[in-house]
Amino acid sequence: MSKVKVLVFSGSIRKAPFNKKLAAVAAQSAETKADVTLLDLADFPLPLYDGDLEASDGLPTNVKKLRRMFDEHDAFIIASPEYNGFFSPLLKNTIDWISRSDAEEPDLAPYKRKVAALLAASPGGLGGLRALPGLRQLLSGIGVLVVPSQLAVGGAMNVFDEDGQLKDESWQPKIDSVVEDLVRTTAALKA
């Protein structure tokens, strides 16, 4: 059986956000168990979802590229920032655009039979935890199986160094555990 293919990304496009750092550390963890693609949503700018824009112009080129990437992977690791107790508008917009049909596939096709793991990081004590239930609900509602384990990294300014590596190594086994849960669940579903 082929290795599980995992797409890892952050719901932030800031230059050095904690969630991009967390996504990169999770990608490194997954590389020992899966084929991993680390995606930066900043490389795929999208307009705000607008049904009239979609009707008049079709899917933007970057949506088509992202749909292909999501289609080619079995699982997702998403590191979500928390904005006012919810996941980022960027993440919602991306998920919405990718859910739209194109000439080749119906709505939601890139999400069907996929598995996801959720992570969050924040300078606050809750570590972005409040963003994860809404994201879990959204993904579950469009056909993604979200693994039960998740991780919220509080005090993130003390967890990552400037290069994005863990300076508090006590988080590595926690990240590894969520990644392992994702890979094991996805492999079992593929078998």
N, C-alpha and C. Protein backbone atom coordinates (compact mmCIF):
# COMPACT_ATOMS: atom_id res chain seq x y z
N MET A 1 0.85 -1.18 0.00
CA MET A 1 0.00 0.00 0.00
C MET A 1 0.90 1.24 0.00
N SER A 2 0.49 2.25 -0.75
CA SER A 2 1.27 3.48 -0.82
C SER A 2 1.17 4.26 0.48
N LYS A 3 2.16 5.10 0.70
CA LYS A 3 2.15 5.94 1.89
C LYS A 3 0.98 6.92 1.85
N VAL A 4 0.52 7.28 3.02
CA VAL A 4 -0.52 8.30 3.17
C VAL A 4 0.06 9.63 2.68
N LYS A 5 -0.74 10.38 1.94
CA LYS A 5 -0.32 11.71 1.47
C LYS A 5 -1.02 12.77 2.31
N VAL A 6 -0.21 13.62 2.96
CA VAL A 6 -0.74 14.60 3.90
C VAL A 6 -0.41 16.01 3.44
N LEU A 7 -1.42 16.85 3.37
CA LEU A 7 -1.27 18.26 3.05
C LEU A 7 -1.33 19.04 4.35
N VAL A 8 -0.29 19.84 4.61
CA VAL A 8 -0.18 20.57 5.88
C VAL A 8 -0.20 22.06 5.56
N PHE A 9 -1.03 22.80 6.29
CA PHE A 9 -1.07 24.25 6.06
C PHE A 9 -1.61 24.98 7.27
N SER A 10 -1.36 26.27 7.28
CA SER A 10 -1.83 27.17 8.33
C SER A 10 -2.94 28.04 7.78
N GLY A 11 -3.84 28.44 8.66
CA GLY A 11 -4.91 29.36 8.30
C GLY A 11 -4.50 30.81 8.43
N SER A 12 -3.19 31.07 8.32
CA SER A 12 -2.66 32.42 8.40
C SER A 12 -1.65 32.64 7.29
N ILE A 13 -1.59 33.87 6.79
CA ILE A 13 -0.59 34.19 5.77
C ILE A 13 0.39 35.26 6.24
N ARG A 14 0.36 35.56 7.52
CA ARG A 14 1.35 36.51 8.05
C ARG A 14 2.75 35.95 7.82
N LYS A 15 3.75 36.82 7.86
CA LYS A 15 5.11 36.40 7.56
C LYS A 15 5.68 35.40 8.57
N ALA A 16 5.44 35.58 9.84
CA ALA A 16 6.01 34.66 10.83
C ALA A 16 5.00 34.31 11.92
N PRO A 17 3.84 33.82 11.55
CA PRO A 17 2.84 33.51 12.56
C PRO A 17 3.16 32.20 13.28
N PHE A 18 2.66 32.11 14.48
CA PHE A 18 2.88 30.90 15.27
C PHE A 18 2.30 29.67 14.58
N ASN A 19 1.18 29.84 13.89
CA ASN A 19 0.54 28.68 13.27
C ASN A 19 1.30 28.17 12.05
N LYS A 20 2.00 29.03 11.34
CA LYS A 20 2.87 28.55 10.26
C LYS A 20 4.02 27.76 10.86
N LYS A 21 4.53 28.22 11.98
CA LYS A 21 5.62 27.49 12.66
C LYS A 21 5.11 26.13 13.14
N LEU A 22 3.93 26.12 13.72
CA LEU A 22 3.35 24.87 14.19
C LEU A 22 3.10 23.91 13.02
N ALA A 23 2.60 24.42 11.91
CA ALA A 23 2.36 23.59 10.73
C ALA A 23 3.67 22.99 10.23
N ALA A 24 4.74 23.78 10.22
CA ALA A 24 6.04 23.28 9.76
C ALA A 24 6.57 22.18 10.67
N VAL A 25 6.42 22.35 11.98
CA VAL A 25 6.88 21.33 12.93
C VAL A 25 6.05 20.05 12.75
N ALA A 26 4.74 20.20 12.55
CA ALA A 26 3.88 19.04 12.32
C ALA A 26 4.25 18.34 11.01
N ALA A 27 4.58 19.12 9.99
CA ALA A 27 5.00 18.53 8.71
C ALA A 27 6.27 17.71 8.89
N GLN A 28 7.22 18.24 9.65
CA GLN A 28 8.45 17.50 9.91
C GLN A 28 8.15 16.19 10.63
N SER A 29 7.24 16.24 11.58
CA SER A 29 6.85 15.03 12.30
C SER A 29 6.23 14.01 11.35
N ALA A 30 5.38 14.48 10.46
CA ALA A 30 4.66 13.58 9.54
C ALA A 30 5.57 12.98 8.48
N GLU A 31 6.66 13.65 8.15
CA GLU A 31 7.54 13.18 7.07
C GLU A 31 8.12 11.80 7.34
N THR A 32 8.21 11.40 8.58
CA THR A 32 8.74 10.07 8.88
C THR A 32 7.70 8.98 8.63
N LYS A 33 6.44 9.35 8.47
CA LYS A 33 5.36 8.38 8.35
C LYS A 33 4.53 8.51 7.07
N ALA A 34 4.69 9.62 6.36
CA ALA A 34 3.80 9.90 5.23
C ALA A 34 4.53 10.74 4.18
N ASP A 35 3.93 10.84 3.01
CA ASP A 35 4.38 11.80 2.00
C ASP A 35 3.71 13.12 2.34
N VAL A 36 4.50 14.16 2.53
CA VAL A 36 3.99 15.42 3.07
C VAL A 36 4.22 16.57 2.09
N THR A 37 3.21 17.40 1.96
CA THR A 37 3.32 18.67 1.24
C THR A 37 2.98 19.78 2.22
N LEU A 38 3.91 20.71 2.40
CA LEU A 38 3.66 21.87 3.25
C LEU A 38 3.22 23.01 2.34
N LEU A 39 2.01 23.47 2.53
CA LEU A 39 1.38 24.48 1.69
C LEU A 39 1.36 25.82 2.42
N ASP A 40 1.66 26.88 1.70
CA ASP A 40 1.52 28.24 2.23
C ASP A 40 0.41 28.92 1.45
N LEU A 41 -0.70 29.22 2.12
CA LEU A 41 -1.84 29.84 1.44
C LEU A 41 -1.49 31.22 0.87
N ALA A 42 -0.42 31.84 1.33
CA ALA A 42 0.01 33.13 0.78
C ALA A 42 0.40 32.98 -0.69
N ASP A 43 0.75 31.78 -1.11
CA ASP A 43 1.13 31.54 -2.50
C ASP A 43 -0.08 31.39 -3.42
N PHE A 44 -1.28 31.38 -2.84
CA PHE A 44 -2.51 31.17 -3.60
C PHE A 44 -3.56 32.20 -3.21
N PRO A 45 -3.33 33.48 -3.49
CA PRO A 45 -4.31 34.50 -3.09
C PRO A 45 -5.66 34.27 -3.78
N LEU A 46 -6.72 34.49 -2.99
CA LEU A 46 -8.07 34.27 -3.48
C LEU A 46 -8.93 35.50 -3.18
N PRO A 47 -9.88 35.80 -4.05
CA PRO A 47 -10.85 36.84 -3.70
C PRO A 47 -11.79 36.29 -2.64
N LEU A 48 -12.53 37.18 -1.98
CA LEU A 48 -13.58 36.72 -1.09
C LEU A 48 -14.59 35.93 -1.90
N TYR A 49 -15.10 34.83 -1.32
CA TYR A 49 -16.07 34.04 -2.06
C TYR A 49 -17.28 34.89 -2.39
N ASP A 50 -17.70 34.82 -3.64
CA ASP A 50 -18.84 35.58 -4.13
C ASP A 50 -19.50 34.73 -5.21
N GLY A 51 -20.72 34.28 -4.96
CA GLY A 51 -21.43 33.45 -5.92
C GLY A 51 -21.63 34.11 -7.26
N ASP A 52 -21.81 35.43 -7.28
CA ASP A 52 -21.97 36.14 -8.56
C ASP A 52 -20.65 36.13 -9.33
N LEU A 53 -19.53 36.31 -8.63
CA LEU A 53 -18.21 36.24 -9.28
C LEU A 53 -17.98 34.84 -9.85
N GLU A 54 -18.33 33.84 -9.08
CA GLU A 54 -18.18 32.46 -9.56
C GLU A 54 -19.06 32.22 -10.79
N ALA A 55 -20.29 32.72 -10.77
CA ALA A 55 -21.21 32.52 -11.90
C ALA A 55 -20.71 33.22 -13.16
N SER A 56 -20.12 34.41 -13.00
CA SER A 56 -19.69 35.16 -14.18
C SER A 56 -18.32 34.74 -14.69
N ASP A 57 -17.40 34.40 -13.78
CA ASP A 57 -16.01 34.13 -14.18
C ASP A 57 -15.56 32.70 -13.97
N GLY A 58 -16.36 31.89 -13.29
CA GLY A 58 -15.94 30.53 -12.96
C GLY A 58 -14.98 30.55 -11.78
N LEU A 59 -14.36 29.41 -11.55
CA LEU A 59 -13.43 29.32 -10.43
C LEU A 59 -12.12 30.03 -10.76
N PRO A 60 -11.60 30.83 -9.83
CA PRO A 60 -10.29 31.45 -10.05
C PRO A 60 -9.21 30.38 -10.23
N THR A 61 -8.16 30.73 -10.95
CA THR A 61 -7.06 29.81 -11.23
C THR A 61 -6.48 29.21 -9.95
N ASN A 62 -6.30 30.04 -8.92
CA ASN A 62 -5.72 29.52 -7.68
C ASN A 62 -6.66 28.54 -6.98
N VAL A 63 -7.95 28.70 -7.13
CA VAL A 63 -8.89 27.72 -6.57
C VAL A 63 -8.71 26.39 -7.28
N LYS A 64 -8.58 26.42 -8.59
CA LYS A 64 -8.37 25.17 -9.35
C LYS A 64 -7.08 24.48 -8.91
N LYS A 65 -6.03 25.25 -8.71
CA LYS A 65 -4.76 24.67 -8.24
C LYS A 65 -4.92 24.05 -6.86
N LEU A 66 -5.58 24.77 -5.95
CA LEU A 66 -5.78 24.25 -4.60
C LEU A 66 -6.68 23.02 -4.61
N ARG A 67 -7.72 23.02 -5.42
CA ARG A 67 -8.61 21.85 -5.51
C ARG A 67 -7.81 20.62 -5.92
N ARG A 68 -6.91 20.79 -6.89
CA ARG A 68 -6.08 19.65 -7.33
C ARG A 68 -5.19 19.17 -6.18
N MET A 69 -4.59 20.11 -5.45
CA MET A 69 -3.74 19.73 -4.32
C MET A 69 -4.54 18.98 -3.26
N PHE A 70 -5.70 19.50 -2.92
CA PHE A 70 -6.53 18.84 -1.92
C PHE A 70 -6.97 17.47 -2.40
N ASP A 71 -7.31 17.35 -3.68
CA ASP A 71 -7.71 16.08 -4.27
C ASP A 71 -6.59 15.04 -4.19
N GLU A 72 -5.36 15.47 -4.40
CA GLU A 72 -4.22 14.55 -4.47
C GLU A 72 -3.76 14.04 -3.11
N HIS A 73 -4.30 14.58 -2.04
CA HIS A 73 -3.87 14.19 -0.70
C HIS A 73 -4.99 13.44 0.02
N ASP A 74 -4.57 12.54 0.90
CA ASP A 74 -5.52 11.73 1.66
C ASP A 74 -5.96 12.41 2.94
N ALA A 75 -5.12 13.31 3.45
CA ALA A 75 -5.37 13.89 4.77
C ALA A 75 -4.81 15.30 4.84
N PHE A 76 -5.29 16.04 5.84
CA PHE A 76 -4.87 17.42 6.05
C PHE A 76 -4.47 17.62 7.51
N ILE A 77 -3.42 18.37 7.73
CA ILE A 77 -3.11 18.90 9.05
C ILE A 77 -3.28 20.40 8.93
N ILE A 78 -4.18 20.95 9.73
CA ILE A 78 -4.50 22.37 9.66
C ILE A 78 -4.14 23.03 10.99
N ALA A 79 -3.28 24.02 10.92
CA ALA A 79 -2.92 24.82 12.09
C ALA A 79 -3.68 26.14 11.99
N SER A 80 -4.63 26.32 12.87
CA SER A 80 -5.53 27.46 12.75
C SER A 80 -5.27 28.53 13.79
N PRO A 81 -5.12 29.77 13.36
CA PRO A 81 -5.11 30.85 14.34
C PRO A 81 -6.51 31.06 14.90
N GLU A 82 -6.58 31.75 16.00
CA GLU A 82 -7.87 32.10 16.59
C GLU A 82 -8.06 33.61 16.48
N TYR A 83 -9.13 34.00 15.81
CA TYR A 83 -9.48 35.41 15.68
C TYR A 83 -10.80 35.62 16.40
N ASN A 84 -10.78 36.30 17.52
CA ASN A 84 -11.99 36.58 18.29
C ASN A 84 -12.79 35.31 18.58
N GLY A 85 -12.08 34.25 18.95
CA GLY A 85 -12.73 33.02 19.36
C GLY A 85 -13.13 32.10 18.22
N PHE A 86 -12.70 32.40 17.00
CA PHE A 86 -13.09 31.59 15.85
C PHE A 86 -11.89 31.42 14.94
N PHE A 87 -11.98 30.51 13.97
CA PHE A 87 -10.87 30.35 13.03
C PHE A 87 -10.86 31.52 12.05
N SER A 88 -9.79 31.66 11.31
CA SER A 88 -9.57 32.86 10.49
C SER A 88 -10.50 32.94 9.29
N PRO A 89 -10.85 34.16 8.88
CA PRO A 89 -11.63 34.35 7.65
C PRO A 89 -10.90 33.78 6.43
N LEU A 90 -9.58 33.86 6.42
CA LEU A 90 -8.80 33.29 5.32
C LEU A 90 -9.07 31.80 5.19
N LEU A 91 -9.07 31.10 6.30
CA LEU A 91 -9.29 29.66 6.28
C LEU A 91 -10.70 29.34 5.81
N LYS A 92 -11.68 30.06 6.31
CA LYS A 92 -13.08 29.84 5.88
C LYS A 92 -13.24 30.11 4.38
N ASN A 93 -12.66 31.21 3.91
CA ASN A 93 -12.75 31.56 2.50
C ASN A 93 -12.10 30.48 1.62
N THR A 94 -10.95 29.98 2.04
CA THR A 94 -10.26 28.94 1.28
C THR A 94 -11.10 27.68 1.23
N ILE A 95 -11.60 27.25 2.37
CA ILE A 95 -12.44 26.05 2.42
C ILE A 95 -13.68 26.23 1.55
N ASP A 96 -14.30 27.39 1.60
CA ASP A 96 -15.50 27.64 0.79
C ASP A 96 -15.20 27.57 -0.71
N TRP A 97 -14.14 28.24 -1.15
CA TRP A 97 -13.82 28.22 -2.58
C TRP A 97 -13.53 26.79 -3.05
N ILE A 98 -12.75 26.04 -2.26
CA ILE A 98 -12.39 24.68 -2.68
C ILE A 98 -13.61 23.77 -2.72
N SER A 99 -14.64 24.11 -1.97
CA SER A 99 -15.84 23.27 -1.94
C SER A 99 -16.67 23.40 -3.22
N ARG A 100 -16.41 24.39 -4.03
CA ARG A 100 -17.23 24.64 -5.22
C ARG A 100 -16.88 23.66 -6.34
N SER A 101 -17.86 23.35 -7.18
CA SER A 101 -17.64 22.40 -8.27
C SER A 101 -16.89 23.07 -9.41
N ASP A 102 -16.24 22.23 -10.17
CA ASP A 102 -15.64 22.70 -11.42
C ASP A 102 -16.11 21.76 -12.54
N ALA A 103 -15.58 21.92 -13.71
CA ALA A 103 -16.04 21.12 -14.84
C ALA A 103 -15.75 19.64 -14.65
N GLU A 104 -14.76 19.32 -13.82
CA GLU A 104 -14.34 17.94 -13.68
C GLU A 104 -14.95 17.22 -12.48
N GLU A 105 -15.26 17.96 -11.41
CA GLU A 105 -15.72 17.33 -10.18
C GLU A 105 -16.87 18.11 -9.56
N PRO A 106 -17.73 17.40 -8.82
CA PRO A 106 -18.85 18.08 -8.15
C PRO A 106 -18.39 18.83 -6.91
N ASP A 107 -19.33 19.60 -6.35
CA ASP A 107 -19.08 20.29 -5.08
C ASP A 107 -18.52 19.31 -4.05
N LEU A 108 -17.67 19.81 -3.18
CA LEU A 108 -17.14 19.09 -2.03
C LEU A 108 -16.25 17.89 -2.37
N ALA A 109 -16.03 17.59 -3.63
CA ALA A 109 -15.23 16.42 -3.99
C ALA A 109 -13.84 16.41 -3.34
N PRO A 110 -13.15 17.55 -3.24
CA PRO A 110 -11.82 17.50 -2.62
C PRO A 110 -11.82 17.15 -1.13
N TYR A 111 -13.00 17.12 -0.51
CA TYR A 111 -13.09 16.83 0.92
C TYR A 111 -13.60 15.42 1.21
N LYS A 112 -14.21 14.78 0.25
CA LYS A 112 -14.82 13.47 0.48
C LYS A 112 -13.76 12.41 0.77
N ARG A 113 -14.03 11.61 1.78
CA ARG A 113 -13.15 10.52 2.20
C ARG A 113 -11.77 11.01 2.62
N LYS A 114 -11.71 12.22 3.16
CA LYS A 114 -10.46 12.78 3.66
C LYS A 114 -10.49 12.81 5.19
N VAL A 115 -9.30 12.87 5.76
CA VAL A 115 -9.15 12.90 7.21
C VAL A 115 -8.36 14.15 7.57
N ALA A 116 -8.68 14.76 8.70
CA ALA A 116 -7.96 15.97 9.11
C ALA A 116 -7.60 15.91 10.59
N ALA A 117 -6.49 16.58 10.91
CA ALA A 117 -6.08 16.81 12.29
C ALA A 117 -6.00 18.31 12.48
N LEU A 118 -6.41 18.78 13.66
CA LEU A 118 -6.47 20.21 13.94
C LEU A 118 -5.47 20.60 15.01
N LEU A 119 -4.77 21.69 14.74
CA LEU A 119 -3.81 22.27 15.66
C LEU A 119 -4.08 23.76 15.75
N ALA A 120 -3.63 24.38 16.82
CA ALA A 120 -3.72 25.83 16.95
C ALA A 120 -2.59 26.30 17.86
N ALA A 121 -2.16 27.52 17.65
CA ALA A 121 -1.14 28.14 18.50
C ALA A 121 -1.50 29.60 18.69
N SER A 122 -1.22 30.08 19.90
CA SER A 122 -1.56 31.46 20.23
C SER A 122 -0.69 31.92 21.39
N PRO A 123 -0.46 33.23 21.49
CA PRO A 123 0.27 33.72 22.67
C PRO A 123 -0.54 33.57 23.95
N GLY A 124 -1.86 33.48 23.83
CA GLY A 124 -2.73 33.36 25.00
C GLY A 124 -2.65 32.00 25.65
N GLY A 125 -3.18 31.90 26.83
CA GLY A 125 -3.13 30.68 27.60
C GLY A 125 -3.90 29.52 27.01
N LEU A 126 -4.97 29.79 26.25
CA LEU A 126 -5.76 28.72 25.67
C LEU A 126 -5.19 28.21 24.35
N GLY A 127 -4.22 28.91 23.81
CA GLY A 127 -3.52 28.43 22.63
C GLY A 127 -4.34 28.35 21.36
N GLY A 128 -5.41 29.11 21.26
CA GLY A 128 -6.25 29.04 20.07
C GLY A 128 -7.31 27.97 20.13
N LEU A 129 -7.48 27.36 21.28
CA LEU A 129 -8.41 26.25 21.46
C LEU A 129 -9.83 26.60 21.03
N ARG A 130 -10.27 27.84 21.25
CA ARG A 130 -11.66 28.21 20.93
C ARG A 130 -11.94 28.18 19.44
N ALA A 131 -10.91 28.22 18.60
CA ALA A 131 -11.12 28.18 17.15
C ALA A 131 -11.42 26.76 16.65
N LEU A 132 -10.99 25.76 17.39
CA LEU A 132 -11.03 24.40 16.86
C LEU A 132 -12.42 23.77 16.80
N PRO A 133 -13.34 23.98 17.75
CA PRO A 133 -14.66 23.37 17.60
C PRO A 133 -15.41 23.83 16.34
N GLY A 134 -15.35 25.11 16.02
CA GLY A 134 -16.02 25.60 14.81
C GLY A 134 -15.40 25.02 13.55
N LEU A 135 -14.08 24.91 13.53
CA LEU A 135 -13.40 24.33 12.38
C LEU A 135 -13.74 22.84 12.26
N ARG A 136 -13.77 22.16 13.38
CA ARG A 136 -14.16 20.74 13.39
C ARG A 136 -15.58 20.57 12.84
N GLN A 137 -16.49 21.44 13.27
CA GLN A 137 -17.88 21.37 12.80
C GLN A 137 -17.97 21.62 11.30
N LEU A 138 -17.26 22.64 10.82
CA LEU A 138 -17.28 22.95 9.39
C LEU A 138 -16.76 21.78 8.57
N LEU A 139 -15.59 21.25 8.93
CA LEU A 139 -15.00 20.16 8.16
C LEU A 139 -15.86 18.90 8.21
N SER A 140 -16.38 18.58 9.38
CA SER A 140 -17.25 17.40 9.51
C SER A 140 -18.50 17.55 8.64
N GLY A 141 -19.01 18.75 8.56
CA GLY A 141 -20.21 19.01 7.77
C GLY A 141 -20.01 18.90 6.28
N ILE A 142 -18.77 18.95 5.82
CA ILE A 142 -18.51 18.83 4.37
C ILE A 142 -17.86 17.49 4.02
N GLY A 143 -17.88 16.55 4.96
CA GLY A 143 -17.45 15.19 4.65
C GLY A 143 -16.07 14.79 5.11
N VAL A 144 -15.37 15.65 5.83
CA VAL A 144 -14.03 15.33 6.32
C VAL A 144 -14.16 14.65 7.68
N LEU A 145 -13.45 13.55 7.86
CA LEU A 145 -13.37 12.89 9.16
C LEU A 145 -12.26 13.58 9.95
N VAL A 146 -12.62 14.24 11.03
CA VAL A 146 -11.64 14.94 11.86
C VAL A 146 -11.28 14.03 13.03
N VAL A 147 -10.00 13.70 13.17
CA VAL A 147 -9.59 12.81 14.25
C VAL A 147 -9.88 13.46 15.60
N PRO A 148 -10.18 12.64 16.61
CA PRO A 148 -10.52 13.20 17.92
C PRO A 148 -9.40 14.00 18.57
N SER A 149 -8.16 13.54 18.42
CA SER A 149 -7.06 14.27 19.07
C SER A 149 -6.80 15.58 18.35
N GLN A 150 -6.47 16.58 19.13
CA GLN A 150 -6.12 17.90 18.60
C GLN A 150 -5.14 18.53 19.57
N LEU A 151 -4.57 19.66 19.20
CA LEU A 151 -3.59 20.29 20.07
C LEU A 151 -3.69 21.80 19.97
N ALA A 152 -3.73 22.45 21.12
CA ALA A 152 -3.68 23.92 21.19
C ALA A 152 -2.44 24.30 22.00
N VAL A 153 -1.57 25.08 21.38
CA VAL A 153 -0.30 25.46 21.98
C VAL A 153 -0.41 26.87 22.55
N GLY A 154 -0.52 26.97 23.86
CA GLY A 154 -0.59 28.26 24.52
C GLY A 154 0.80 28.83 24.77
N GLY A 155 0.87 30.16 24.96
CA GLY A 155 2.16 30.81 25.20
C GLY A 155 3.14 30.56 24.07
N ALA A 156 2.65 30.60 22.84
CA ALA A 156 3.44 30.19 21.67
C ALA A 156 4.73 30.99 21.50
N MET A 157 4.78 32.22 22.03
CA MET A 157 6.01 33.01 21.89
C MET A 157 7.16 32.38 22.66
N ASN A 158 6.84 31.49 23.62
CA ASN A 158 7.87 30.79 24.38
C ASN A 158 8.12 29.37 23.87
N VAL A 159 7.37 28.95 22.86
CA VAL A 159 7.45 27.59 22.35
C VAL A 159 8.33 27.49 21.11
N PHE A 160 8.27 28.51 20.23
CA PHE A 160 9.00 28.49 18.97
C PHE A 160 10.12 29.52 18.99
N ASP A 161 11.23 29.18 18.32
CA ASP A 161 12.29 30.18 18.17
C ASP A 161 12.04 30.99 16.90
N GLU A 162 12.94 31.93 16.60
CA GLU A 162 12.76 32.80 15.44
C GLU A 162 12.79 32.03 14.12
N ASP A 163 13.46 30.89 14.11
CA ASP A 163 13.55 30.08 12.90
C ASP A 163 12.38 29.10 12.74
N GLY A 164 11.45 29.15 13.71
CA GLY A 164 10.28 28.29 13.63
C GLY A 164 10.46 26.92 14.26
N GLN A 165 11.58 26.68 14.86
CA GLN A 165 11.82 25.40 15.52
C GLN A 165 11.30 25.45 16.95
N LEU A 166 11.05 24.29 17.52
CA LEU A 166 10.62 24.23 18.91
C LEU A 166 11.77 24.58 19.83
N LYS A 167 11.56 25.54 20.69
CA LYS A 167 12.54 25.76 21.74
C LYS A 167 12.09 25.13 23.04
N ASP A 168 10.81 24.77 23.11
CA ASP A 168 10.28 24.01 24.23
C ASP A 168 9.95 22.61 23.70
N GLU A 169 10.89 21.70 23.86
CA GLU A 169 10.78 20.35 23.30
C GLU A 169 9.67 19.52 23.92
N SER A 170 9.10 19.98 25.03
CA SER A 170 8.02 19.20 25.65
C SER A 170 6.79 19.12 24.74
N TRP A 171 6.70 20.00 23.74
CA TRP A 171 5.57 19.98 22.81
C TRP A 171 5.72 18.92 21.71
N GLN A 172 6.94 18.47 21.44
CA GLN A 172 7.16 17.54 20.33
C GLN A 172 6.35 16.24 20.47
N PRO A 173 6.36 15.57 21.63
CA PRO A 173 5.56 14.35 21.72
C PRO A 173 4.06 14.59 21.55
N LYS A 174 3.59 15.75 21.93
CA LYS A 174 2.17 16.07 21.78
C LYS A 174 1.82 16.26 20.30
N ILE A 175 2.70 16.94 19.58
CA ILE A 175 2.50 17.11 18.13
C ILE A 175 2.59 15.75 17.45
N ASP A 176 3.61 14.97 17.80
CA ASP A 176 3.78 13.64 17.21
C ASP A 176 2.55 12.76 17.42
N SER A 177 1.93 12.86 18.59
CA SER A 177 0.77 12.04 18.90
C SER A 177 -0.42 12.37 17.99
N VAL A 178 -0.66 13.66 17.76
CA VAL A 178 -1.76 14.06 16.87
C VAL A 178 -1.47 13.61 15.44
N VAL A 179 -0.21 13.79 15.02
CA VAL A 179 0.19 13.37 13.66
C VAL A 179 0.03 11.86 13.51
N GLU A 180 0.47 11.12 14.50
CA GLU A 180 0.36 9.65 14.47
C GLU A 180 -1.10 9.22 14.38
N ASP A 181 -1.97 9.87 15.13
CA ASP A 181 -3.40 9.56 15.09
C ASP A 181 -3.95 9.79 13.68
N LEU A 182 -3.57 10.90 13.08
CA LEU A 182 -4.02 11.20 11.72
C LEU A 182 -3.54 10.16 10.73
N VAL A 183 -2.25 9.86 10.74
CA VAL A 183 -1.68 8.92 9.76
C VAL A 183 -2.25 7.52 9.97
N ARG A 184 -2.35 7.07 11.20
CA ARG A 184 -2.90 5.74 11.48
C ARG A 184 -4.35 5.64 11.03
N THR A 185 -5.16 6.65 11.32
CA THR A 185 -6.58 6.63 10.92
C THR A 185 -6.72 6.64 9.40
N THR A 186 -5.93 7.50 8.76
CA THR A 186 -6.01 7.59 7.29
C THR A 186 -5.57 6.29 6.63
N ALA A 187 -4.48 5.71 7.11
CA ALA A 187 -4.01 4.44 6.55
C ALA A 187 -5.04 3.34 6.72
N ALA A 188 -5.71 3.30 7.87
CA ALA A 188 -6.75 2.28 8.10
C ALA A 188 -7.92 2.47 7.13
N LEU A 189 -8.28 3.71 6.86
CA LEU A 189 -9.39 3.97 5.94
C LEU A 189 -9.02 3.65 4.49
N LYS A 190 -7.74 3.83 4.15
CA LYS A 190 -7.28 3.52 2.80
C LYS A 190 -7.17 2.03 2.54
N ALA A 191 -6.96 1.26 3.63
CA ALA A 191 -6.71 -0.20 3.49
C ALA A 191 -7.93 -0.94 2.98
